[in-house]
Amino acid sequence: MKLLLITSIKAFEKEIKSILKKADVKTYSYKDVIGYRDASSLLVQENWFANDMNEGEAIFFYAFVKKENVDMVFDMVTVFNEQQESLSSIHVAVVNIERTI
């Protein structure tokens, strides 16, 4: 059993749900969150808002997933991210679960 963690901008919610469905992840939880980006190191030309801290609507998914389904999620997210023209992408992490009840 693995713990799958997914974060992205809110706009990708529908695509993430589709990926999870295709990967046969039938049970998951998600929550709207606020994402922060420290833009203090950006050049003035790159920082349109002239603010060091930018925040935006984001989403966080988590699910306990069988090992064989994790690779399917990673593969589909990789394909999705490669097709994006924007700077935003879907981020995925997996954590080993040693014990569960």
C-alpha atoms as a PDB file:
ATOM      1  CA  MET A   1       0.000   0.000   0.000  1.00  0.00           C
ATOM      2  CA  LYS A   2       1.249   3.482  -0.906  1.00  0.00           C
ATOM      3  CA  LEU A   3       0.108   6.963   0.050  1.00  0.00           C
ATOM      4  CA  LEU A   4      -0.298   9.029  -3.101  1.00  0.00           C
ATOM      5  CA  LEU A   5      -0.079  12.825  -2.767  1.00  0.00           C
ATOM      6  CA  ILE A   6      -1.068  15.129  -5.627  1.00  0.00           C
ATOM      7  CA  THR A   7      -1.012  18.922  -5.762  1.00  0.00           C
ATOM      8  CA  SER A   8      -1.780  21.319  -8.581  1.00  0.00           C
ATOM      9  CA  ILE A   9      -3.561  24.489  -9.471  1.00  0.00           C
ATOM     10  CA  LYS A  10      -7.329  24.318  -9.010  1.00  0.00           C
ATOM     11  CA  ALA A  11      -7.856  24.476 -12.787  1.00  0.00           C
ATOM     12  CA  PHE A  12      -6.524  20.894 -13.147  1.00  0.00           C
ATOM     13  CA  GLU A  13      -9.068  19.330 -10.747  1.00  0.00           C
ATOM     14  CA  LYS A  14     -11.110  17.671 -13.501  1.00  0.00           C
ATOM     15  CA  GLU A  15      -8.014  16.217 -15.174  1.00  0.00           C
ATOM     16  CA  ILE A  16      -6.692  14.794 -11.885  1.00  0.00           C
ATOM     17  CA  LYS A  17     -10.027  13.102 -11.169  1.00  0.00           C
ATOM     18  CA  SER A  18      -9.940  11.609 -14.663  1.00  0.00           C
ATOM     19  CA  ILE A  19      -6.386  10.326 -14.164  1.00  0.00           C
ATOM     20  CA  LEU A  20      -7.323   8.723 -10.847  1.00  0.00           C
ATOM     21  CA  LYS A  21     -10.345   7.056 -12.432  1.00  0.00           C
ATOM     22  CA  LYS A  22      -8.285   5.695 -15.346  1.00  0.00           C
ATOM     23  CA  ALA A  23      -5.681   4.384 -12.868  1.00  0.00           C
ATOM     24  CA  ASP A  24      -8.443   2.522 -11.014  1.00  0.00           C
ATOM     25  CA  VAL A  25      -8.078   4.637  -7.860  1.00  0.00           C
ATOM     26  CA  LYS A  26     -11.623   4.345  -6.589  1.00  0.00           C
ATOM     27  CA  THR A  27     -11.266   6.072  -3.222  1.00  0.00           C
ATOM     28  CA  TYR A  28      -9.480   9.342  -2.557  1.00  0.00           C
ATOM     29  CA  SER A  29      -9.862  12.599  -0.692  1.00  0.00           C
ATOM     30  CA  TYR A  30      -9.201  16.127  -1.847  1.00  0.00           C
ATOM     31  CA  LYS A  31      -9.278  19.630  -0.484  1.00  0.00           C
ATOM     32  CA  ASP A  32      -9.068  23.117  -1.881  1.00  0.00           C
ATOM     33  CA  VAL A  33      -5.966  24.857  -0.572  1.00  0.00           C
ATOM     34  CA  ILE A  34      -4.134  28.134  -1.077  1.00  0.00           C
ATOM     35  CA  GLY A  35      -0.794  27.798  -2.826  1.00  0.00           C
ATOM     36  CA  TYR A  36       1.981  30.289  -2.149  1.00  0.00           C
ATOM     37  CA  ARG A  37       4.925  31.241  -4.313  1.00  0.00           C
ATOM     38  CA  ASP A  38       7.849  33.307  -3.091  1.00  0.00           C
ATOM     39  CA  ALA A  39       8.559  35.603  -6.030  1.00  0.00           C
ATOM     40  CA  SER A  40      11.188  37.737  -4.296  1.00  0.00           C
ATOM     41  CA  SER A  41      13.977  36.256  -6.425  1.00  0.00           C
ATOM     42  CA  LEU A  42      12.240  36.987  -9.747  1.00  0.00           C
ATOM     43  CA  LEU A  43      13.325  39.851 -11.931  1.00  0.00           C
ATOM     44  CA  VAL A  44      10.960  42.823 -12.024  1.00  0.00           C
ATOM     45  CA  GLN A  45       9.994  41.953 -15.610  1.00  0.00           C
ATOM     46  CA  GLU A  46       8.973  38.425 -14.533  1.00  0.00           C
ATOM     47  CA  ASN A  47       6.978  39.531 -11.499  1.00  0.00           C
ATOM     48  CA  TRP A  48       3.932  41.227 -12.998  1.00  0.00           C
ATOM     49  CA  PHE A  49       2.256  41.773  -9.657  1.00  0.00           C
ATOM     50  CA  ALA A  50       5.293  43.446  -8.002  1.00  0.00           C
ATOM     51  CA  ASN A  51       4.631  41.458  -4.853  1.00  0.00           C
ATOM     52  CA  ASP A  52       7.067  39.062  -3.194  1.00  0.00           C
ATOM     53  CA  MET A  53       4.400  36.554  -2.146  1.00  0.00           C
ATOM     54  CA  ASN A  54       1.842  35.355  -4.654  1.00  0.00           C
ATOM     55  CA  GLU A  55      -1.029  33.102  -3.689  1.00  0.00           C
ATOM     56  CA  GLY A  56      -3.437  31.165  -5.819  1.00  0.00           C
ATOM     57  CA  GLU A  57      -6.173  28.572  -5.741  1.00  0.00           C
ATOM     58  CA  ALA A  58      -4.744  25.073  -5.536  1.00  0.00           C
ATOM     59  CA  ILE A  59      -5.970  21.572  -4.818  1.00  0.00           C
ATOM     60  CA  PHE A  60      -4.545  18.691  -2.784  1.00  0.00           C
ATOM     61  CA  PHE A  61      -5.476  15.026  -3.327  1.00  0.00           C
ATOM     62  CA  TYR A  62      -4.437  12.041  -1.234  1.00  0.00           C
ATOM     63  CA  ALA A  63      -5.240   8.365  -1.521  1.00  0.00           C
ATOM     64  CA  PHE A  64      -4.108   4.972  -0.296  1.00  0.00           C
ATOM     65  CA  VAL A  65      -3.246   3.150  -3.503  1.00  0.00           C
ATOM     66  CA  LYS A  66      -2.067  -0.306  -4.494  1.00  0.00           C
ATOM     67  CA  LYS A  67       1.522  -0.328  -5.701  1.00  0.00           C
ATOM     68  CA  GLU A  68       0.559  -1.379  -9.232  1.00  0.00           C
ATOM     69  CA  ASN A  69      -1.748   1.640  -9.604  1.00  0.00           C
ATOM     70  CA  VAL A  70       0.908   4.174  -8.561  1.00  0.00           C
ATOM     71  CA  ASP A  71       2.927   3.735 -11.762  1.00  0.00           C
ATOM     72  CA  MET A  72      -0.179   4.286 -13.873  1.00  0.00           C
ATOM     73  CA  VAL A  73      -0.852   7.590 -12.098  1.00  0.00           C
ATOM     74  CA  PHE A  74       2.765   8.728 -12.549  1.00  0.00           C
ATOM     75  CA  ASP A  75       2.727   7.793 -16.243  1.00  0.00           C
ATOM     76  CA  MET A  76      -0.516   9.666 -16.947  1.00  0.00           C
ATOM     77  CA  VAL A  77       0.602  12.742 -14.985  1.00  0.00           C
ATOM     78  CA  THR A  78       3.892  12.764 -16.902  1.00  0.00           C
ATOM     79  CA  VAL A  79       2.021  12.730 -20.224  1.00  0.00           C
ATOM     80  CA  PHE A  80      -0.355  15.460 -19.020  1.00  0.00           C
ATOM     81  CA  ASN A  81       2.490  17.702 -17.823  1.00  0.00           C
ATOM     82  CA  GLU A  82       4.422  17.279 -21.082  1.00  0.00           C
ATOM     83  CA  GLN A  83       1.385  18.509 -23.037  1.00  0.00           C
ATOM     84  CA  GLN A  84       0.985  21.688 -20.963  1.00  0.00           C
ATOM     85  CA  GLU A  85       1.994  25.010 -22.445  1.00  0.00           C
ATOM     86  CA  SER A  86       1.637  26.788 -19.101  1.00  0.00           C
ATOM     87  CA  LEU A  87       4.225  26.901 -16.328  1.00  0.00           C
ATOM     88  CA  SER A  88       1.866  25.027 -14.014  1.00  0.00           C
ATOM     89  CA  SER A  89       1.903  21.273 -13.743  1.00  0.00           C
ATOM     90  CA  ILE A  90       0.562  18.475 -11.602  1.00  0.00           C
ATOM     91  CA  HIS A  91       2.925  17.371  -8.823  1.00  0.00           C
ATOM     92  CA  VAL A  92       2.826  13.801  -7.502  1.00  0.00           C
ATOM     93  CA  ALA A  93       4.624  12.119  -4.614  1.00  0.00           C
ATOM     94  CA  VAL A  94       4.315   8.655  -3.143  1.00  0.00           C
ATOM     95  CA  VAL A  95       5.072   7.490   0.394  1.00  0.00           C
ATOM     96  CA  ASN A  96       5.510   3.888   1.541  1.00  0.00           C
ATOM     97  CA  ILE A  97       3.028   2.770   4.173  1.00  0.00           C
ATOM     98  CA  GLU A  98       4.469   0.282   6.632  1.00  0.00           C
ATOM     99  CA  ARG A  99       1.280  -0.506   8.579  1.00  0.00           C
ATOM    100  CA  THR A 100      -2.414   0.222   8.236  1.00  0.00           C
ATOM    101  CA  ILE A 101      -5.595  -0.823   9.957  1.00  0.00           C
END
